[in-house]
PDB file of N, CA and C in Angstrom:
ATOM      1  N   MET A   1     -24.297  74.655 -34.710  1.00  0.00           N
ATOM      2  CA  MET A   1     -23.586  75.512 -33.797  1.00  0.00           C
ATOM      3  C   MET A   1     -24.040  76.950 -34.020  1.00  0.00           C
ATOM      4  N   ASN A   2     -24.218  77.689 -32.952  1.00  0.00           N
ATOM      5  CA  ASN A   2     -24.651  79.072 -33.008  1.00  0.00           C
ATOM      6  C   ASN A   2     -23.487  79.967 -32.603  1.00  0.00           C
ATOM      7  N   VAL A   3     -23.135  80.942 -33.444  1.00  0.00           N
ATOM      8  CA  VAL A   3     -22.014  81.835 -33.172  1.00  0.00           C
ATOM      9  C   VAL A   3     -22.538  83.252 -33.018  1.00  0.00           C
ATOM     10  N   LYS A   4     -22.165  83.915 -31.932  1.00  0.00           N
ATOM     11  CA  LYS A   4     -22.538  85.305 -31.678  1.00  0.00           C
ATOM     12  C   LYS A   4     -21.266  86.139 -31.638  1.00  0.00           C
ATOM     13  N   PRO A   5     -21.045  87.035 -32.626  1.00  0.00           N
ATOM     14  CA  PRO A   5     -19.848  87.874 -32.611  1.00  0.00           C
ATOM     15  C   PRO A   5     -19.850  88.812 -31.404  1.00  0.00           C
ATOM     16  N   LEU A   6     -18.666  89.134 -30.922  1.00  0.00           N
ATOM     17  CA  LEU A   6     -18.531  90.031 -29.780  1.00  0.00           C
ATOM     18  C   LEU A   6     -18.147  91.433 -30.234  1.00  0.00           C
ATOM     19  N   GLY A   7     -18.528  92.425 -29.451  1.00  0.00           N
ATOM     20  CA  GLY A   7     -18.122  93.809 -29.698  1.00  0.00           C
ATOM     21  C   GLY A   7     -18.587  94.330 -31.034  1.00  0.00           C
ATOM     22  N   ASN A   8     -17.616  94.897 -31.788  1.00  0.00           N
ATOM     23  CA  ASN A   8     -17.945  95.532 -33.069  1.00  0.00           C
ATOM     24  C   ASN A   8     -17.680  94.608 -34.254  1.00  0.00           C
ATOM     25  N   ARG A   9     -17.956  93.336 -34.091  1.00  0.00           N
ATOM     26  CA  ARG A   9     -17.731  92.354 -35.157  1.00  0.00           C
ATOM     27  C   ARG A   9     -19.060  91.841 -35.713  1.00  0.00           C
ATOM     28  N   VAL A  10     -19.000  91.392 -36.970  1.00  0.00           N
ATOM     29  CA  VAL A  10     -20.173  90.796 -37.616  1.00  0.00           C
ATOM     30  C   VAL A  10     -19.782  89.454 -38.220  1.00  0.00           C
ATOM     31  N   LEU A  11     -20.725  88.540 -38.278  1.00  0.00           N
ATOM     32  CA  LEU A  11     -20.530  87.229 -38.884  1.00  0.00           C
ATOM     33  C   LEU A  11     -21.150  87.266 -40.271  1.00  0.00           C
ATOM     34  N   LEU A  12     -20.334  86.951 -41.287  1.00  0.00           N
ATOM     35  CA  LEU A  12     -20.791  86.972 -42.669  1.00  0.00           C
ATOM     36  C   LEU A  12     -20.755  85.575 -43.260  1.00  0.00           C
ATOM     37  N   LYS A  13     -21.756  85.248 -44.058  1.00  0.00           N
ATOM     38  CA  LYS A  13     -21.715  84.030 -44.862  1.00  0.00           C
ATOM     39  C   LYS A  13     -21.147  84.453 -46.203  1.00  0.00           C
ATOM     40  N   VAL A  14     -20.003  83.882 -46.569  1.00  0.00           N
ATOM     41  CA  VAL A  14     -19.300  84.274 -47.780  1.00  0.00           C
ATOM     42  C   VAL A  14     -20.090  83.825 -49.006  1.00  0.00           C
ATOM     43  N   LYS A  15     -20.303  84.757 -49.945  1.00  0.00           N
ATOM     44  CA  LYS A  15     -20.978  84.422 -51.197  1.00  0.00           C
ATOM     45  C   LYS A  15     -19.975  83.760 -52.116  1.00  0.00           C
ATOM     46  N   LEU A  16     -20.364  82.642 -52.708  1.00  0.00           N
ATOM     47  CA  LEU A  16     -19.483  81.934 -53.626  1.00  0.00           C
ATOM     48  C   LEU A  16     -19.591  82.523 -55.013  1.00  0.00           C
ATOM     49  N   GLN A  17     -18.460  82.493 -55.732  1.00  0.00           N
ATOM     50  CA  GLN A  17     -18.440  83.000 -57.094  1.00  0.00           C
ATOM     51  C   GLN A  17     -19.082  81.977 -58.025  1.00  0.00           C
ATOM     52  N   GLU A  18     -19.605  82.442 -59.122  1.00  0.00           N
ATOM     53  CA  GLU A  18     -20.210  81.566 -60.117  1.00  0.00           C
ATOM     54  C   GLU A  18     -19.176  80.572 -60.634  1.00  0.00           C
ATOM     55  N   GLU A  19     -19.604  79.356 -60.899  1.00  0.00           N
ATOM     56  CA  GLU A  19     -18.700  78.333 -61.422  1.00  0.00           C
ATOM     57  C   GLU A  19     -18.541  78.411 -62.933  1.00  0.00           C
ATOM     58  N   LYS A  20     -19.379  79.215 -63.587  1.00  0.00           N
ATOM     59  CA  LYS A  20     -19.272  79.376 -65.029  1.00  0.00           C
ATOM     60  C   LYS A  20     -19.054  80.849 -65.342  1.00  0.00           C
ATOM     61  N   SER A  21     -18.272  81.109 -66.391  1.00  0.00           N
ATOM     62  CA  SER A  21     -18.072  82.482 -66.839  1.00  0.00           C
ATOM     63  C   SER A  21     -19.304  82.938 -67.603  1.00  0.00           C
ATOM     64  N   THR A  22     -19.329  84.208 -67.977  1.00  0.00           N
ATOM     65  CA  THR A  22     -20.472  84.717 -68.732  1.00  0.00           C
ATOM     66  C   THR A  22     -20.589  84.047 -70.097  1.00  0.00           C
ATOM     67  N   GLY A  23     -19.474  83.519 -70.595  1.00  0.00           N
ATOM     68  CA  GLY A  23     -19.498  82.813 -71.874  1.00  0.00           C
ATOM     69  C   GLY A  23     -19.847  81.346 -71.749  1.00  0.00           C
ATOM     70  N   GLY A  24     -20.075  80.870 -70.513  1.00  0.00           N
ATOM     71  CA  GLY A  24     -20.466  79.493 -70.292  1.00  0.00           C
ATOM     72  C   GLY A  24     -19.318  78.537 -70.029  1.00  0.00           C
ATOM     73  N   ILE A  25     -18.104  79.079 -69.843  1.00  0.00           N
ATOM     74  CA  ILE A  25     -16.945  78.233 -69.586  1.00  0.00           C
ATOM     75  C   ILE A  25     -16.884  77.891 -68.107  1.00  0.00           C
ATOM     76  N   TYR A  26     -16.665  76.611 -67.800  1.00  0.00           N
ATOM     77  CA  TYR A  26     -16.564  76.140 -66.417  1.00  0.00           C
ATOM     78  C   TYR A  26     -15.247  76.607 -65.806  1.00  0.00           C
ATOM     79  N   ILE A  27     -15.298  77.184 -64.594  1.00  0.00           N
ATOM     80  CA  ILE A  27     -14.106  77.634 -63.876  1.00  0.00           C
ATOM     81  C   ILE A  27     -13.921  76.715 -62.676  1.00  0.00           C
ATOM     82  N   PRO A  28     -12.821  75.946 -62.618  1.00  0.00           N
ATOM     83  CA  PRO A  28     -12.615  75.047 -61.475  1.00  0.00           C
ATOM     84  C   PRO A  28     -12.392  75.837 -60.187  1.00  0.00           C
ATOM     85  N   PRO A  29     -12.749  75.262 -59.031  1.00  0.00           N
ATOM     86  CA  PRO A  29     -12.610  75.968 -57.757  1.00  0.00           C
ATOM     87  C   PRO A  29     -11.204  76.489 -57.486  1.00  0.00           C
ATOM     88  N   THR A  30     -10.182  75.798 -57.958  1.00  0.00           N
ATOM     89  CA  THR A  30      -8.813  76.249 -57.716  1.00  0.00           C
ATOM     90  C   THR A  30      -8.468  77.516 -58.478  1.00  0.00           C
ATOM     91  N   ALA A  31      -9.187  77.818 -59.553  1.00  0.00           N
ATOM     92  CA  ALA A  31      -8.916  79.003 -60.366  1.00  0.00           C
ATOM     93  C   ALA A  31      -9.857  80.161 -60.041  1.00  0.00           C
ATOM     94  N   GLN A  32     -10.845  79.918 -59.209  1.00  0.00           N
ATOM     95  CA  GLN A  32     -11.807  80.964 -58.892  1.00  0.00           C
ATOM     96  C   GLN A  32     -11.216  81.961 -57.905  1.00  0.00           C
ATOM     97  N   GLU A  33     -11.501  83.226 -58.132  1.00  0.00           N
ATOM     98  CA  GLU A  33     -11.107  84.248 -57.174  1.00  0.00           C
ATOM     99  C   GLU A  33     -12.151  84.293 -56.070  1.00  0.00           C
ATOM    100  N   LYS A  34     -11.693  84.607 -54.863  1.00  0.00           N
ATOM    101  CA  LYS A  34     -12.638  84.753 -53.761  1.00  0.00           C
ATOM    102  C   LYS A  34     -13.403  86.055 -53.936  1.00  0.00           C
ATOM    103  N   THR A  35     -14.677  85.984 -53.706  1.00  0.00           N
ATOM    104  CA  THR A  35     -15.463  87.209 -53.769  1.00  0.00           C
ATOM    105  C   THR A  35     -15.244  87.985 -52.478  1.00  0.00           C
ATOM    106  N   GLN A  36     -15.609  89.220 -52.495  1.00  0.00           N
ATOM    107  CA  GLN A  36     -15.528  90.035 -51.293  1.00  0.00           C
ATOM    108  C   GLN A  36     -16.934  90.442 -50.873  1.00  0.00           C
ATOM    109  N   GLU A  37     -17.884  89.577 -51.181  1.00  0.00           N
ATOM    110  CA  GLU A  37     -19.273  89.807 -50.815  1.00  0.00           C
ATOM    111  C   GLU A  37     -19.711  88.773 -49.810  1.00  0.00           C
ATOM    112  N   GLY A  38     -20.577  89.204 -48.895  1.00  0.00           N
ATOM    113  CA  GLY A  38     -21.123  88.283 -47.927  1.00  0.00           C
ATOM    114  C   GLY A  38     -22.469  88.767 -47.436  1.00  0.00           C
ATOM    115  N   VAL A  39     -23.185  87.861 -46.793  1.00  0.00           N
ATOM    116  CA  VAL A  39     -24.486  88.185 -46.209  1.00  0.00           C
ATOM    117  C   VAL A  39     -24.320  88.169 -44.702  1.00  0.00           C
ATOM    118  N   VAL A  40     -24.805  89.213 -44.035  1.00  0.00           N
ATOM    119  CA  VAL A  40     -24.692  89.323 -42.588  1.00  0.00           C
ATOM    120  C   VAL A  40     -25.587  88.276 -41.940  1.00  0.00           C
ATOM    121  N   VAL A  41     -24.980  87.422 -41.103  1.00  0.00           N
ATOM    122  CA  VAL A  41     -25.709  86.359 -40.422  1.00  0.00           C
ATOM    123  C   VAL A  41     -26.000  86.751 -38.978  1.00  0.00           C
ATOM    124  N   ALA A  42     -25.018  87.394 -38.326  1.00  0.00           N
ATOM    125  CA  ALA A  42     -25.180  87.812 -36.931  1.00  0.00           C
ATOM    126  C   ALA A  42     -24.314  89.049 -36.685  1.00  0.00           C
ATOM    127  N   ILE A  43     -24.714  89.857 -35.713  1.00  0.00           N
ATOM    128  CA  ILE A  43     -23.962  91.074 -35.387  1.00  0.00           C
ATOM    129  C   ILE A  43     -23.653  91.112 -33.900  1.00  0.00           C
ATOM    130  N   GLY A  44     -22.567  91.829 -33.575  1.00  0.00           N
ATOM    131  CA  GLY A  44     -22.214  92.036 -32.179  1.00  0.00           C
ATOM    132  C   GLY A  44     -23.123  93.079 -31.547  1.00  0.00           C
ATOM    133  N   GLU A  45     -22.808  93.466 -30.321  1.00  0.00           N
ATOM    134  CA  GLU A  45     -23.698  94.375 -29.596  1.00  0.00           C
ATOM    135  C   GLU A  45     -23.173  95.801 -29.493  1.00  0.00           C
ATOM    136  N   SER A  46     -22.280  96.196 -30.387  1.00  0.00           N
ATOM    137  CA  SER A  46     -21.713  97.535 -30.368  1.00  0.00           C
ATOM    138  C   SER A  46     -22.664  98.535 -31.022  1.00  0.00           C
ATOM    139  N   ASP A  47     -22.609  99.778 -30.555  1.00  0.00           N
ATOM    140  CA  ASP A  47     -23.409 100.842 -31.163  1.00  0.00           C
ATOM    141  C   ASP A  47     -22.851 101.268 -32.517  1.00  0.00           C
ATOM    142  N   GLU A  48     -21.594 100.896 -32.823  1.00  0.00           N
ATOM    143  CA  GLU A  48     -20.943 101.268 -34.079  1.00  0.00           C
ATOM    144  C   GLU A  48     -21.506 100.513 -35.277  1.00  0.00           C
ATOM    145  N   ILE A  49     -22.183  99.413 -35.051  1.00  0.00           N
ATOM    146  CA  ILE A  49     -22.637  98.549 -36.146  1.00  0.00           C
ATOM    147  C   ILE A  49     -23.844  99.173 -36.838  1.00  0.00           C
ATOM    148  N   THR A  50     -23.690  99.378 -38.149  1.00  0.00           N
ATOM    149  CA  THR A  50     -24.748 100.031 -38.926  1.00  0.00           C
ATOM    150  C   THR A  50     -25.413  99.095 -39.922  1.00  0.00           C
ATOM    151  N   VAL A  51     -25.015  97.829 -39.930  1.00  0.00           N
ATOM    152  CA  VAL A  51     -25.628  96.856 -40.837  1.00  0.00           C
ATOM    153  C   VAL A  51     -26.623  96.010 -40.061  1.00  0.00           C
ATOM    154  N   LYS A  52     -27.519  95.353 -40.809  1.00  0.00           N
ATOM    155  CA  LYS A  52     -28.525  94.491 -40.194  1.00  0.00           C
ATOM    156  C   LYS A  52     -28.346  93.070 -40.708  1.00  0.00           C
ATOM    157  N   VAL A  53     -28.918  92.130 -40.003  1.00  0.00           N
ATOM    158  CA  VAL A  53     -28.913  90.741 -40.447  1.00  0.00           C
ATOM    159  C   VAL A  53     -29.606  90.661 -41.810  1.00  0.00           C
ATOM    160  N   ASN A  54     -29.063  89.864 -42.713  1.00  0.00           N
ATOM    161  CA  ASN A  54     -29.530  89.644 -44.095  1.00  0.00           C
ATOM    162  C   ASN A  54     -29.092  90.729 -45.071  1.00  0.00           C
ATOM    163  N   ASP A  55     -28.341  91.763 -44.625  1.00  0.00           N
ATOM    164  CA  ASP A  55     -27.776  92.735 -45.549  1.00  0.00           C
ATOM    165  C   ASP A  55     -26.657  92.060 -46.341  1.00  0.00           C
ATOM    166  N   THR A  56     -26.553  92.377 -47.629  1.00  0.00           N
ATOM    167  CA  THR A  56     -25.427  91.913 -48.442  1.00  0.00           C
ATOM    168  C   THR A  56     -24.390  93.021 -48.437  1.00  0.00           C
ATOM    169  N   VAL A  57     -23.158  92.679 -48.072  1.00  0.00           N
ATOM    170  CA  VAL A  57     -22.116  93.682 -47.900  1.00  0.00           C
ATOM    171  C   VAL A  57     -20.863  93.311 -48.690  1.00  0.00           C
ATOM    172  N   ILE A  58     -20.011  94.306 -48.900  1.00  0.00           N
ATOM    173  CA  ILE A  58     -18.679  94.112 -49.467  1.00  0.00           C
ATOM    174  C   ILE A  58     -17.694  94.410 -48.346  1.00  0.00           C
ATOM    175  N   TYR A  59     -16.666  93.554 -48.218  1.00  0.00           N
ATOM    176  CA  TYR A  59     -15.685  93.727 -47.155  1.00  0.00           C
ATOM    177  C   TYR A  59     -14.279  93.768 -47.746  1.00  0.00           C
ATOM    178  N   ASP A  60     -13.313  94.269 -46.949  1.00  0.00           N
ATOM    179  CA  ASP A  60     -11.923  94.333 -47.380  1.00  0.00           C
ATOM    180  C   ASP A  60     -11.403  92.952 -47.748  1.00  0.00           C
ATOM    181  N   LYS A  61     -10.478  92.919 -48.700  1.00  0.00           N
ATOM    182  CA  LYS A  61      -9.996  91.657 -49.255  1.00  0.00           C
ATOM    183  C   LYS A  61      -9.364  90.733 -48.217  1.00  0.00           C
ATOM    184  N   TYR A  62      -8.534  91.254 -47.330  1.00  0.00           N
ATOM    185  CA  TYR A  62      -7.818  90.405 -46.375  1.00  0.00           C
ATOM    186  C   TYR A  62      -8.376  90.532 -44.959  1.00  0.00           C
ATOM    187  N   ALA A  63      -9.637  90.827 -44.844  1.00  0.00           N
ATOM    188  CA  ALA A  63     -10.258  91.070 -43.539  1.00  0.00           C
ATOM    189  C   ALA A  63     -10.739  89.779 -42.894  1.00  0.00           C
ATOM    190  N   GLY A  64     -10.774  89.795 -41.576  1.00  0.00           N
ATOM    191  CA  GLY A  64     -11.486  88.792 -40.823  1.00  0.00           C
ATOM    192  C   GLY A  64     -10.822  87.463 -40.576  1.00  0.00           C
ATOM    193  N   THR A  65     -11.571  86.628 -39.885  1.00  0.00           N
ATOM    194  CA  THR A  65     -11.160  85.276 -39.519  1.00  0.00           C
ATOM    195  C   THR A  65     -12.142  84.300 -40.151  1.00  0.00           C
ATOM    196  N   GLN A  66     -11.608  83.350 -40.934  1.00  0.00           N
ATOM    197  CA  GLN A  66     -12.465  82.378 -41.603  1.00  0.00           C
ATOM    198  C   GLN A  66     -12.819  81.242 -40.654  1.00  0.00           C
ATOM    199  N   ILE A  67     -14.093  80.838 -40.692  1.00  0.00           N
ATOM    200  CA  ILE A  67     -14.545  79.668 -39.941  1.00  0.00           C
ATOM    201  C   ILE A  67     -15.518  78.891 -40.822  1.00  0.00           C
ATOM    202  N   LYS A  68     -15.695  77.606 -40.528  1.00  0.00           N
ATOM    203  CA  LYS A  68     -16.677  76.790 -41.236  1.00  0.00           C
ATOM    204  C   LYS A  68     -17.784  76.426 -40.266  1.00  0.00           C
ATOM    205  N   LEU A  69     -19.005  76.695 -40.669  1.00  0.00           N
ATOM    206  CA  LEU A  69     -20.188  76.340 -39.892  1.00  0.00           C
ATOM    207  C   LEU A  69     -21.089  75.508 -40.784  1.00  0.00           C
ATOM    208  N   SER A  70     -21.402  74.319 -40.359  1.00  0.00           N
ATOM    209  CA  SER A  70     -22.255  73.406 -41.132  1.00  0.00           C
ATOM    210  C   SER A  70     -21.722  73.201 -42.547  1.00  0.00           C
ATOM    211  N   GLY A  71     -20.403  73.174 -42.695  1.00  0.00           N
ATOM    212  CA  GLY A  71     -19.784  72.940 -43.994  1.00  0.00           C
ATOM    213  C   GLY A  71     -19.735  74.141 -44.910  1.00  0.00           C
ATOM    214  N   GLU A  72     -20.183  75.307 -44.457  1.00  0.00           N
ATOM    215  CA  GLU A  72     -20.175  76.510 -45.285  1.00  0.00           C
ATOM    216  C   GLU A  72     -19.174  77.518 -44.728  1.00  0.00           C
ATOM    217  N   GLU A  73     -18.531  78.266 -45.644  1.00  0.00           N
ATOM    218  CA  GLU A  73     -17.546  79.258 -45.230  1.00  0.00           C
ATOM    219  C   GLU A  73     -18.220  80.500 -44.661  1.00  0.00           C
ATOM    220  N   HIS A  74     -17.716  80.917 -43.511  1.00  0.00           N
ATOM    221  CA  HIS A  74     -18.165  82.145 -42.873  1.00  0.00           C
ATOM    222  C   HIS A  74     -16.940  82.967 -42.514  1.00  0.00           C
ATOM    223  N   LEU A  75     -17.160  84.229 -42.228  1.00  0.00           N
ATOM    224  CA  LEU A  75     -16.081  85.145 -41.907  1.00  0.00           C
ATOM    225  C   LEU A  75     -16.534  86.048 -40.769  1.00  0.00           C
ATOM    226  N   ILE A  76     -15.690  86.204 -39.770  1.00  0.00           N
ATOM    227  CA  ILE A  76     -15.959  87.162 -38.696  1.00  0.00           C
ATOM    228  C   ILE A  76     -15.076  88.376 -38.952  1.00  0.00           C
ATOM    229  N   VAL A  77     -15.697  89.531 -39.176  1.00  0.00           N
ATOM    230  CA  VAL A  77     -14.945  90.750 -39.486  1.00  0.00           C
ATOM    231  C   VAL A  77     -15.345  91.869 -38.543  1.00  0.00           C
ATOM    232  N   LYS A  78     -14.427  92.814 -38.370  1.00  0.00           N
ATOM    233  CA  LYS A  78     -14.753  94.033 -37.630  1.00  0.00           C
ATOM    234  C   LYS A  78     -15.608  94.907 -38.540  1.00  0.00           C
ATOM    235  N   ILE A  79     -16.467  95.696 -37.937  1.00  0.00           N
ATOM    236  CA  ILE A  79     -17.362  96.541 -38.728  1.00  0.00           C
ATOM    237  C   ILE A  79     -16.573  97.533 -39.574  1.00  0.00           C
ATOM    238  N   ASP A  80     -15.365  97.897 -39.152  1.00  0.00           N
ATOM    239  CA  ASP A  80     -14.519  98.818 -39.940  1.00  0.00           C
ATOM    240  C   ASP A  80     -14.080  98.195 -41.257  1.00  0.00           C
ATOM    241  N   ASP A  81     -14.079  96.863 -41.355  1.00  0.00           N
ATOM    242  CA  ASP A  81     -13.683  96.176 -42.583  1.00  0.00           C
ATOM    243  C   ASP A  81     -14.827  96.016 -43.561  1.00  0.00           C
ATOM    244  N   VAL A  82     -16.039  96.339 -43.151  1.00  0.00           N
ATOM    245  CA  VAL A  82     -17.198  96.332 -44.058  1.00  0.00           C
ATOM    246  C   VAL A  82     -17.201  97.681 -44.750  1.00  0.00           C
ATOM    247  N   ILE A  83     -17.092  97.653 -46.085  1.00  0.00           N
ATOM    248  CA  ILE A  83     -16.921  98.934 -46.796  1.00  0.00           C
ATOM    249  C   ILE A  83     -18.167  99.398 -47.559  1.00  0.00           C
ATOM    250  N   ALA A  84     -19.155  98.513 -47.763  1.00  0.00           N
ATOM    251  CA  ALA A  84     -20.364  98.928 -48.475  1.00  0.00           C
ATOM    252  C   ALA A  84     -21.491  97.940 -48.246  1.00  0.00           C
ATOM    253  N   VAL A  85     -22.714  98.444 -48.358  1.00  0.00           N
ATOM    254  CA  VAL A  85     -23.916  97.608 -48.309  1.00  0.00           C
ATOM    255  C   VAL A  85     -24.512  97.630 -49.702  1.00  0.00           C
ATOM    256  N   LEU A  86     -24.789  96.456 -50.263  1.00  0.00           N
ATOM    257  CA  LEU A  86     -25.394  96.365 -51.589  1.00  0.00           C
ATOM    258  C   LEU A  86     -26.917  96.372 -51.465  1.00  0.00           C
ATOM    259  N   LYS A  87     -27.567  97.150 -52.268  1.00  0.00           N
ATOM    260  CA  LYS A  87     -29.025  97.244 -52.231  1.00  0.00           C
ATOM    261  C   LYS A  87     -29.617  96.602 -53.449  1.00  0.00           C
TER     262      LYS A  87
END
């Protein structure tokens, strides 16, 4: 399925947190915190959008609408909820 965000929204593929701690301890999925990092998959057609496809970004904790595409978690967020680009 192909999803194209509308207006000033972007589609992010949510980055999953590591399953092991730095000390090598396994963290079960129920105890893992959600990351606030994602990779831009698609962008809307607004002039306000300053990110590009494949940029890794940080977004607000409670932002967006979660969807599953091909079994992977994605998030549609407004560009105002994207707070930083990681380089």
